[in-house]
Amino acid sequence: MAGNSFGHIFKLTSFGESHGIAIGGVIDGCPSNVEIDLDKIQLDLDRRKPGQSKITTDRNEEDKVEFISGIFEGKTLGTPIAFLIKNKEQKSDDYDKLKGVFRPSHADFTYQNKFGIRDHRGGGRSSARETAVRVVAGAIAKQILSGIGISIHAYVSKINSVELTKSYFEIDANLIDSNIVRCPDDEVARKMISLIEQAKSEGDSLGGIITCFAKGVPVGLGEPVFDRLNADLAKAMMSINAVKGFELGSGFGSVNMKGSEHNDEFLPGGKTKTNFSGGIQGGISNGEDIYFNVAFKPVASIKKMQNTIDQNDNQVKLEVEGRHDPCVVPRAVPIVEAMSALVILDHYLRNQSSRMG
């Protein structure tokens, strides 16, 4: 299986399956002598881990990260950083009935046809459990970026029909984790939580949108053709389980505007009057805030009876058992932040290596 590595200079390779012994990763290209706060890494893992609230899956993993190499006396060595996260609360028996059945909108059918074999326990490699590895690497990237004045925040801006209408610059980032749905507005958050609870009681699921913004990104990150900063951000977001859409800046709303309305006029000093571009022009950061939306579909594992087929092409009825999120969006907030940090740090390091003197 190819495609398990992400990045050029700051490069993450992940491994492991949902119900295996452990998941883990190796980070190559991390600068040396960077102080790392292990508690902050664990905090982001805790924000992503299952079983953290009444609106998440009942699977209750500790998600404690163990570093094997690359960090010594609280600082990076410049050598590969290897780490493990043990899987301690698997209930593989929950998936015995799924061994020969293809769950609707899952990777079962495509994995079986591509590889001729698959781990049916929790989806194996296709499980969102793999994203815990990304959160570890992203937490390290965020700490490095913080040292150069770049901050990244994500929050839930929509769950199904309930939407936070405030723009990212109107919210208080300190309130993102003030509630279990990670929406920085208590009134809207309560409505979102109510919707999720209702879907859970019905054995159904909901999707939503996460908004992410990065401040302090310098001018010049990104390459002008295939490795555009916006293209790499889009790839990073679309690599996250359940993501169905990405829009930068004005996004799809820009089709309702004229060029005279949408153009970001320059002001003295290189700033722009507006920021419909979302901080990226020509694939290269322009020094303004980078902001974008990521759309997540409803979780595919639901407890309602569904029609599907088995590996012998027989039509069967399926009711998915096991422990699943009624809405994955609140737990995906640290994943979106992590993937953003991996992209921005990688491009920052690439930019540094491409300049002489």
Protein backbone atom coordinates (compact mmCIF):
# COMPACT_ATOMS: atom_id res chain seq x y z
CA MET A 1 0.00 0.00 0.00
CA ALA A 2 1.49 3.30 -1.12
CA GLY A 3 0.46 6.79 -0.05
CA ASN A 4 1.15 6.62 3.70
CA SER A 5 3.53 9.61 3.78
CA PHE A 6 2.74 13.32 3.69
CA GLY A 7 5.04 16.31 3.18
CA HIS A 8 8.34 17.04 1.47
CA ILE A 9 10.79 18.32 4.11
CA PHE A 10 8.68 17.95 7.27
CA LYS A 11 7.42 14.50 6.35
CA LEU A 12 5.06 12.23 8.26
CA THR A 13 4.69 8.50 7.61
CA SER A 14 1.89 6.80 9.52
CA PHE A 15 1.19 3.11 10.13
CA GLY A 16 -1.21 0.80 11.95
CA GLU A 17 -4.83 -0.36 11.89
CA SER A 18 -7.81 0.51 14.06
CA HIS A 19 -7.89 -2.84 15.90
CA GLY A 20 -4.21 -3.75 15.67
CA ILE A 21 -1.70 -3.56 18.52
CA ALA A 22 -0.92 0.10 17.92
CA ILE A 23 -0.89 2.97 15.47
CA GLY A 24 2.09 5.22 15.07
CA GLY A 25 4.23 7.44 12.93
CA VAL A 26 7.68 8.62 11.94
CA ILE A 27 8.43 12.30 11.37
CA ASP A 28 11.45 13.01 9.19
CA GLY A 29 12.92 16.46 8.55
CA CYS A 30 12.03 18.05 11.88
CA PRO A 31 14.52 20.83 12.75
CA SER A 32 16.85 20.16 15.67
CA ASN A 33 17.02 21.86 19.05
CA VAL A 34 13.31 22.75 19.17
CA GLU A 35 11.77 22.61 22.64
CA ILE A 36 8.75 20.32 22.67
CA ASP A 37 5.97 20.49 25.26
CA LEU A 38 4.70 16.92 25.53
CA ASP A 39 1.67 18.04 27.54
CA LYS A 40 0.47 20.16 24.62
CA ILE A 41 0.74 17.16 22.31
CA GLN A 42 -1.33 15.09 24.71
CA LEU A 43 -3.87 17.90 25.01
CA ASP A 44 -4.52 17.80 21.26
CA LEU A 45 -4.82 14.01 21.39
CA ASP A 46 -7.36 14.37 24.19
CA ARG A 47 -9.35 16.77 22.01
CA ARG A 48 -9.50 14.12 19.27
CA LYS A 49 -9.84 10.93 21.32
CA PRO A 50 -13.06 8.89 21.44
CA GLY A 51 -15.27 8.73 24.52
CA GLN A 52 -14.68 12.35 25.54
CA SER A 53 -18.34 13.43 25.76
CA LYS A 54 -21.97 12.35 25.41
CA ILE A 55 -21.97 13.21 21.70
CA THR A 56 -19.02 11.01 20.73
CA THR A 57 -18.44 7.28 20.32
CA ASP A 58 -18.40 5.15 23.50
CA ARG A 59 -14.98 3.71 22.61
CA ASN A 60 -12.77 4.96 25.41
CA GLU A 61 -9.12 5.02 24.36
CA GLU A 62 -6.47 6.78 26.46
CA ASP A 63 -4.53 7.72 23.34
CA LYS A 64 -1.28 8.12 25.27
CA VAL A 65 1.60 8.81 22.91
CA GLU A 66 4.96 7.12 23.49
CA PHE A 67 8.00 8.67 21.81
CA ILE A 68 10.64 6.15 20.76
CA SER A 69 13.24 8.40 19.18
CA GLY A 70 14.07 11.92 18.05
CA ILE A 71 13.39 13.83 21.29
CA PHE A 72 15.95 14.06 24.09
CA GLU A 73 15.73 16.14 27.26
CA GLY A 74 12.70 17.96 25.89
CA LYS A 75 14.27 18.98 22.58
CA THR A 76 14.27 17.61 19.05
CA LEU A 77 17.50 15.99 17.90
CA GLY A 78 16.99 16.56 14.19
CA THR A 79 16.75 12.78 13.77
CA PRO A 80 13.57 10.90 12.88
CA ILE A 81 10.89 11.21 15.55
CA ALA A 82 9.14 7.86 16.00
CA PHE A 83 6.11 7.35 18.22
CA LEU A 84 3.39 4.86 19.13
CA ILE A 85 -0.19 5.06 20.36
CA LYS A 86 -1.38 1.73 21.75
CA ASN A 87 -4.87 0.44 20.93
CA LYS A 88 -6.23 -0.69 24.30
CA GLU A 89 -10.01 -0.78 23.98
CA GLN A 90 -10.77 -2.78 20.85
CA LYS A 91 -13.96 -4.79 20.65
CA SER A 92 -13.22 -6.67 17.46
CA ASP A 93 -16.12 -9.09 18.00
CA ASP A 94 -18.47 -6.23 17.17
CA TYR A 95 -17.29 -6.54 13.57
CA ASP A 96 -17.52 -10.33 13.09
CA LYS A 97 -20.81 -9.98 11.20
CA LEU A 98 -19.15 -7.54 8.78
CA LYS A 99 -16.38 -9.86 7.60
CA GLY A 100 -18.08 -10.65 4.31
CA VAL A 101 -20.36 -7.61 4.05
CA PHE A 102 -19.71 -4.25 2.42
CA ARG A 103 -20.99 -1.38 4.56
CA PRO A 104 -22.63 1.47 2.57
CA SER A 105 -20.36 4.50 1.97
CA HIS A 106 -17.37 2.81 3.67
CA ALA A 107 -14.05 1.74 2.19
CA ASP A 108 -14.89 -1.99 2.52
CA PHE A 109 -15.80 -2.53 -1.14
CA THR A 110 -12.97 -0.48 -2.62
CA TYR A 111 -10.28 -1.94 -0.30
CA GLN A 112 -11.37 -5.51 -1.01
CA ASN A 113 -11.32 -4.94 -4.77
CA LYS A 114 -8.04 -3.04 -4.80
CA PHE A 115 -5.98 -5.22 -2.44
CA GLY A 116 -7.83 -8.54 -2.45
CA ILE A 117 -7.76 -8.52 1.35
CA ARG A 118 -8.89 -6.19 4.13
CA ASP A 119 -9.03 -5.89 7.89
CA HIS A 120 -12.78 -5.77 8.56
CA ARG A 121 -12.31 -4.84 12.24
CA GLY A 122 -13.33 -1.21 12.47
CA GLY A 123 -12.22 -0.56 8.92
CA GLY A 124 -8.57 -1.36 9.60
CA ARG A 125 -6.33 1.14 7.87
CA SER A 126 -9.29 3.14 6.53
CA SER A 127 -10.49 3.93 10.06
CA ALA A 128 -10.41 7.51 11.33
CA ARG A 129 -8.34 6.14 14.23
CA GLU A 130 -5.31 6.70 11.98
CA THR A 131 -5.83 10.45 12.35
CA ALA A 132 -4.49 10.34 15.91
CA VAL A 133 -1.06 9.96 14.33
CA ARG A 134 -1.59 13.13 12.33
CA VAL A 135 -2.60 14.99 15.48
CA VAL A 136 0.72 14.10 17.16
CA ALA A 137 2.75 15.32 14.19
CA GLY A 138 0.55 18.38 13.80
CA ALA A 139 0.92 19.27 17.47
CA ILE A 140 4.70 19.29 17.02
CA ALA A 141 4.34 21.38 13.87
CA LYS A 142 2.09 23.86 15.69
CA GLN A 143 4.69 24.33 18.41
CA ILE A 144 7.40 25.03 15.82
CA LEU A 145 5.11 27.46 13.98
CA SER A 146 4.20 29.21 17.23
CA GLY A 147 7.89 29.94 17.71
CA ILE A 148 7.92 31.91 14.46
CA GLY A 149 4.67 33.75 15.16
CA ILE A 150 2.17 31.57 13.28
CA SER A 151 -1.02 30.43 15.02
CA ILE A 152 -3.69 28.04 13.75
CA HIS A 153 -7.22 27.59 15.10
CA ALA A 154 -10.21 25.58 13.90
CA TYR A 155 -13.78 25.40 15.18
CA VAL A 156 -17.17 23.95 14.31
CA SER A 157 -19.19 26.48 12.33
CA LYS A 158 -22.08 24.27 11.19
CA ILE A 159 -23.82 21.04 12.19
CA ASN A 160 -26.51 19.99 9.74
CA SER A 161 -28.94 22.97 9.59
CA VAL A 162 -27.52 24.87 12.59
CA GLU A 163 -24.91 27.42 11.53
CA LEU A 164 -22.69 29.98 13.25
CA THR A 165 -23.08 33.07 11.08
CA LYS A 166 -20.15 35.00 12.58
CA SER A 167 -16.95 35.24 10.53
CA TYR A 168 -13.72 33.78 11.91
CA PHE A 169 -12.41 37.23 12.86
CA GLU A 170 -15.51 37.87 14.99
CA ILE A 171 -15.11 34.83 17.25
CA ASP A 172 -13.01 34.42 20.38
CA ALA A 173 -10.64 31.52 19.81
CA ASN A 174 -10.39 31.02 23.58
CA LEU A 175 -14.02 29.86 23.56
CA ILE A 176 -13.56 27.06 21.01
CA ASP A 177 -13.06 24.39 23.66
CA SER A 178 -15.56 25.87 26.11
CA ASN A 179 -18.19 23.34 25.06
CA ILE A 180 -18.26 19.74 23.78
CA VAL A 181 -19.17 20.63 20.20
CA ARG A 182 -16.26 23.12 19.83
CA CYS A 183 -18.35 26.00 18.55
CA PRO A 184 -17.22 29.35 20.04
CA ASP A 185 -20.79 30.53 20.65
CA ASP A 186 -22.68 28.93 23.54
CA GLU A 187 -26.18 29.56 22.17
CA VAL A 188 -25.38 28.06 18.75
CA ALA A 189 -23.43 25.25 20.43
CA ARG A 190 -26.47 24.22 22.49
CA LYS A 191 -28.57 23.93 19.34
CA MET A 192 -25.86 21.85 17.66
CA ILE A 193 -25.58 19.52 20.64
CA SER A 194 -29.35 19.06 20.70
CA LEU A 195 -29.36 18.06 17.03
CA ILE A 196 -26.55 15.54 17.55
CA GLU A 197 -28.27 14.02 20.58
CA GLN A 198 -31.45 13.62 18.58
CA ALA A 199 -29.62 11.91 15.70
CA LYS A 200 -27.87 9.59 18.19
CA SER A 201 -31.18 8.60 19.78
CA GLU A 202 -32.52 7.75 16.32
CA GLY A 203 -29.47 5.65 15.42
CA ASP A 204 -28.54 8.15 12.73
CA SER A 205 -25.70 10.61 12.09
CA LEU A 206 -25.02 14.21 11.03
CA GLY A 207 -22.37 16.12 9.11
CA GLY A 208 -21.08 19.65 9.40
CA ILE A 209 -18.44 22.26 8.61
CA ILE A 210 -15.18 23.16 10.33
CA THR A 211 -13.71 26.62 9.76
CA CYS A 212 -9.94 27.02 10.13
CA PHE A 213 -7.77 30.12 10.12
CA ALA A 214 -4.03 30.76 10.32
CA LYS A 215 -2.56 34.08 11.44
CA GLY A 216 1.00 35.32 11.05
CA VAL A 217 1.77 33.37 7.88
CA PRO A 218 4.50 35.30 6.03
CA VAL A 219 4.42 36.25 2.36
CA GLY A 220 5.93 33.71 -0.02
CA LEU A 221 4.88 30.23 1.13
CA GLY A 222 3.81 27.91 -1.68
CA GLU A 223 4.93 27.12 -5.20
CA PRO A 224 3.22 28.62 -8.25
CA VAL A 225 2.18 25.53 -10.25
CA PHE A 226 1.41 22.06 -8.88
CA ASP A 227 2.53 22.63 -5.27
CA ARG A 228 0.40 25.67 -4.62
CA LEU A 229 -0.19 26.30 -0.93
CA ASN A 230 -3.96 26.19 -1.45
CA ALA A 231 -3.68 22.96 -3.45
CA ASP A 232 -1.68 21.29 -0.68
CA LEU A 233 -4.14 22.51 1.95
CA ALA A 234 -6.99 21.10 -0.14
CA LYS A 235 -5.20 17.75 -0.47
CA ALA A 236 -4.50 17.69 3.27
CA MET A 237 -8.13 18.31 4.15
CA MET A 238 -9.49 15.90 1.56
CA SER A 239 -7.22 13.19 3.00
CA ILE A 240 -9.18 13.31 6.27
CA ASN A 241 -11.88 10.68 6.68
CA ALA A 242 -15.42 11.85 5.83
CA VAL A 243 -14.34 15.14 4.21
CA LYS A 244 -16.39 15.98 1.13
CA GLY A 245 -15.53 19.60 0.42
CA PHE A 246 -12.94 22.39 0.78
CA GLU A 247 -13.30 26.09 0.09
CA LEU A 248 -10.67 28.79 0.54
CA GLY A 249 -11.54 32.42 1.25
CA SER A 250 -14.74 33.47 -0.49
CA GLY A 251 -15.03 29.92 -1.86
CA PHE A 252 -18.20 29.02 -3.72
CA GLY A 253 -19.75 32.34 -2.69
CA SER A 254 -17.41 34.10 -5.11
CA VAL A 255 -19.52 32.99 -8.08
CA ASN A 256 -22.20 35.45 -6.93
CA MET A 257 -19.78 38.39 -7.09
CA LYS A 258 -18.37 40.54 -9.87
CA GLY A 259 -14.63 41.00 -10.33
CA SER A 260 -14.94 44.60 -9.21
CA GLU A 261 -16.47 43.37 -5.95
CA HIS A 262 -14.19 40.39 -5.40
CA ASN A 263 -10.74 41.81 -6.17
CA ASP A 264 -8.61 42.43 -3.06
CA GLU A 265 -7.28 45.97 -3.53
CA PHE A 266 -3.74 46.56 -2.31
CA LEU A 267 -2.95 49.24 0.27
CA PRO A 268 0.43 50.83 1.03
CA GLY A 269 2.70 48.30 2.74
CA GLY A 270 1.33 45.35 0.77
CA LYS A 271 -1.81 44.77 2.84
CA THR A 272 -5.14 44.27 1.11
CA LYS A 273 -8.40 46.11 1.72
CA THR A 274 -10.37 42.85 1.68
CA ASN A 275 -9.33 39.21 1.89
CA PHE A 276 -11.59 37.25 -0.42
CA SER A 277 -8.45 35.41 -1.59
CA GLY A 278 -8.17 33.75 1.81
CA GLY A 279 -4.54 34.78 2.22
CA ILE A 280 -3.28 32.98 -0.89
CA GLN A 281 -2.81 34.41 -4.40
CA GLY A 282 -1.26 32.52 -7.29
CA GLY A 283 -0.73 29.58 -4.96
CA ILE A 284 1.53 31.68 -2.68
CA SER A 285 0.70 33.20 0.71
CA ASN A 286 0.30 36.99 0.60
CA GLY A 287 0.67 37.76 4.30
CA GLU A 288 -3.04 38.03 5.08
CA ASP A 289 -4.91 35.55 7.25
CA ILE A 290 -5.43 32.16 5.62
CA TYR A 291 -8.96 30.90 6.20
CA PHE A 292 -11.03 28.06 4.76
CA ASN A 293 -13.98 25.74 5.37
CA VAL A 294 -13.96 21.94 5.42
CA ALA A 295 -17.20 19.99 4.90
CA PHE A 296 -17.73 16.62 6.62
CA LYS A 297 -20.38 14.15 5.53
CA PRO A 298 -22.64 12.36 8.04
CA VAL A 299 -20.83 9.39 9.62
CA ALA A 300 -21.42 6.31 7.48
CA SER A 301 -21.76 3.88 10.42
CA ILE A 302 -25.37 4.14 11.58
CA LYS A 303 -27.62 1.80 13.55
CA LYS A 304 -30.55 2.00 11.13
CA MET A 305 -31.28 -1.01 8.91
CA GLN A 306 -29.70 -0.61 5.45
CA ASN A 307 -29.53 -2.54 2.19
CA THR A 308 -26.15 -3.63 0.84
CA ILE A 309 -24.33 -6.59 -0.72
CA ASP A 310 -21.93 -9.23 0.57
CA GLN A 311 -18.67 -10.45 -0.99
CA ASN A 312 -20.65 -12.98 -3.07
CA ASP A 313 -22.78 -10.17 -4.55
CA ASN A 314 -25.86 -11.24 -2.62
CA GLN A 315 -28.17 -8.45 -1.48
CA VAL A 316 -28.41 -8.41 2.31
CA LYS A 317 -29.75 -6.21 5.09
CA LEU A 318 -27.31 -4.68 7.53
CA GLU A 319 -27.55 -3.02 10.92
CA VAL A 320 -24.11 -1.79 11.98
CA GLU A 321 -23.13 -2.68 15.53
CA GLY A 322 -20.23 -1.35 17.56
CA ARG A 323 -19.38 2.11 18.86
CA HIS A 324 -19.56 5.04 16.46
CA ASP A 325 -19.85 8.83 16.54
CA PRO A 326 -23.26 10.29 15.69
CA CYS A 327 -21.25 13.28 14.41
CA VAL A 328 -17.50 13.24 13.90
CA VAL A 329 -17.14 16.99 13.37
CA PRO A 330 -16.30 18.10 16.96
CA ARG A 331 -13.51 15.49 17.22
CA ALA A 332 -12.16 16.50 13.81
CA VAL A 333 -11.26 20.04 14.90
CA PRO A 334 -7.73 19.10 16.11
CA ILE A 335 -7.25 16.98 12.96
CA VAL A 336 -7.96 19.97 10.71
CA GLU A 337 -5.57 22.09 12.78
CA ALA A 338 -2.92 19.36 12.58
CA MET A 339 -3.08 18.93 8.81
CA SER A 340 -3.00 22.71 8.34
CA ALA A 341 0.11 22.93 10.50
CA LEU A 342 1.84 20.12 8.58
CA VAL A 343 1.24 21.91 5.27
CA ILE A 344 2.25 25.37 6.45
CA LEU A 345 5.38 24.20 8.29
CA ASP A 346 6.46 22.05 5.34
CA HIS A 347 6.13 25.01 2.98
CA TYR A 348 7.92 27.28 5.44
CA LEU A 349 10.88 24.90 5.56
CA ARG A 350 10.81 24.47 1.78
CA ASN A 351 10.87 28.24 1.41
CA GLN A 352 13.86 28.52 3.74
CA SER A 353 15.81 25.88 1.82
CA SER A 354 15.11 27.51 -1.56
CA ARG A 355 16.59 30.92 -0.63
CA MET A 356 20.29 31.71 -0.71
CA GLY A 357 21.86 34.29 1.56
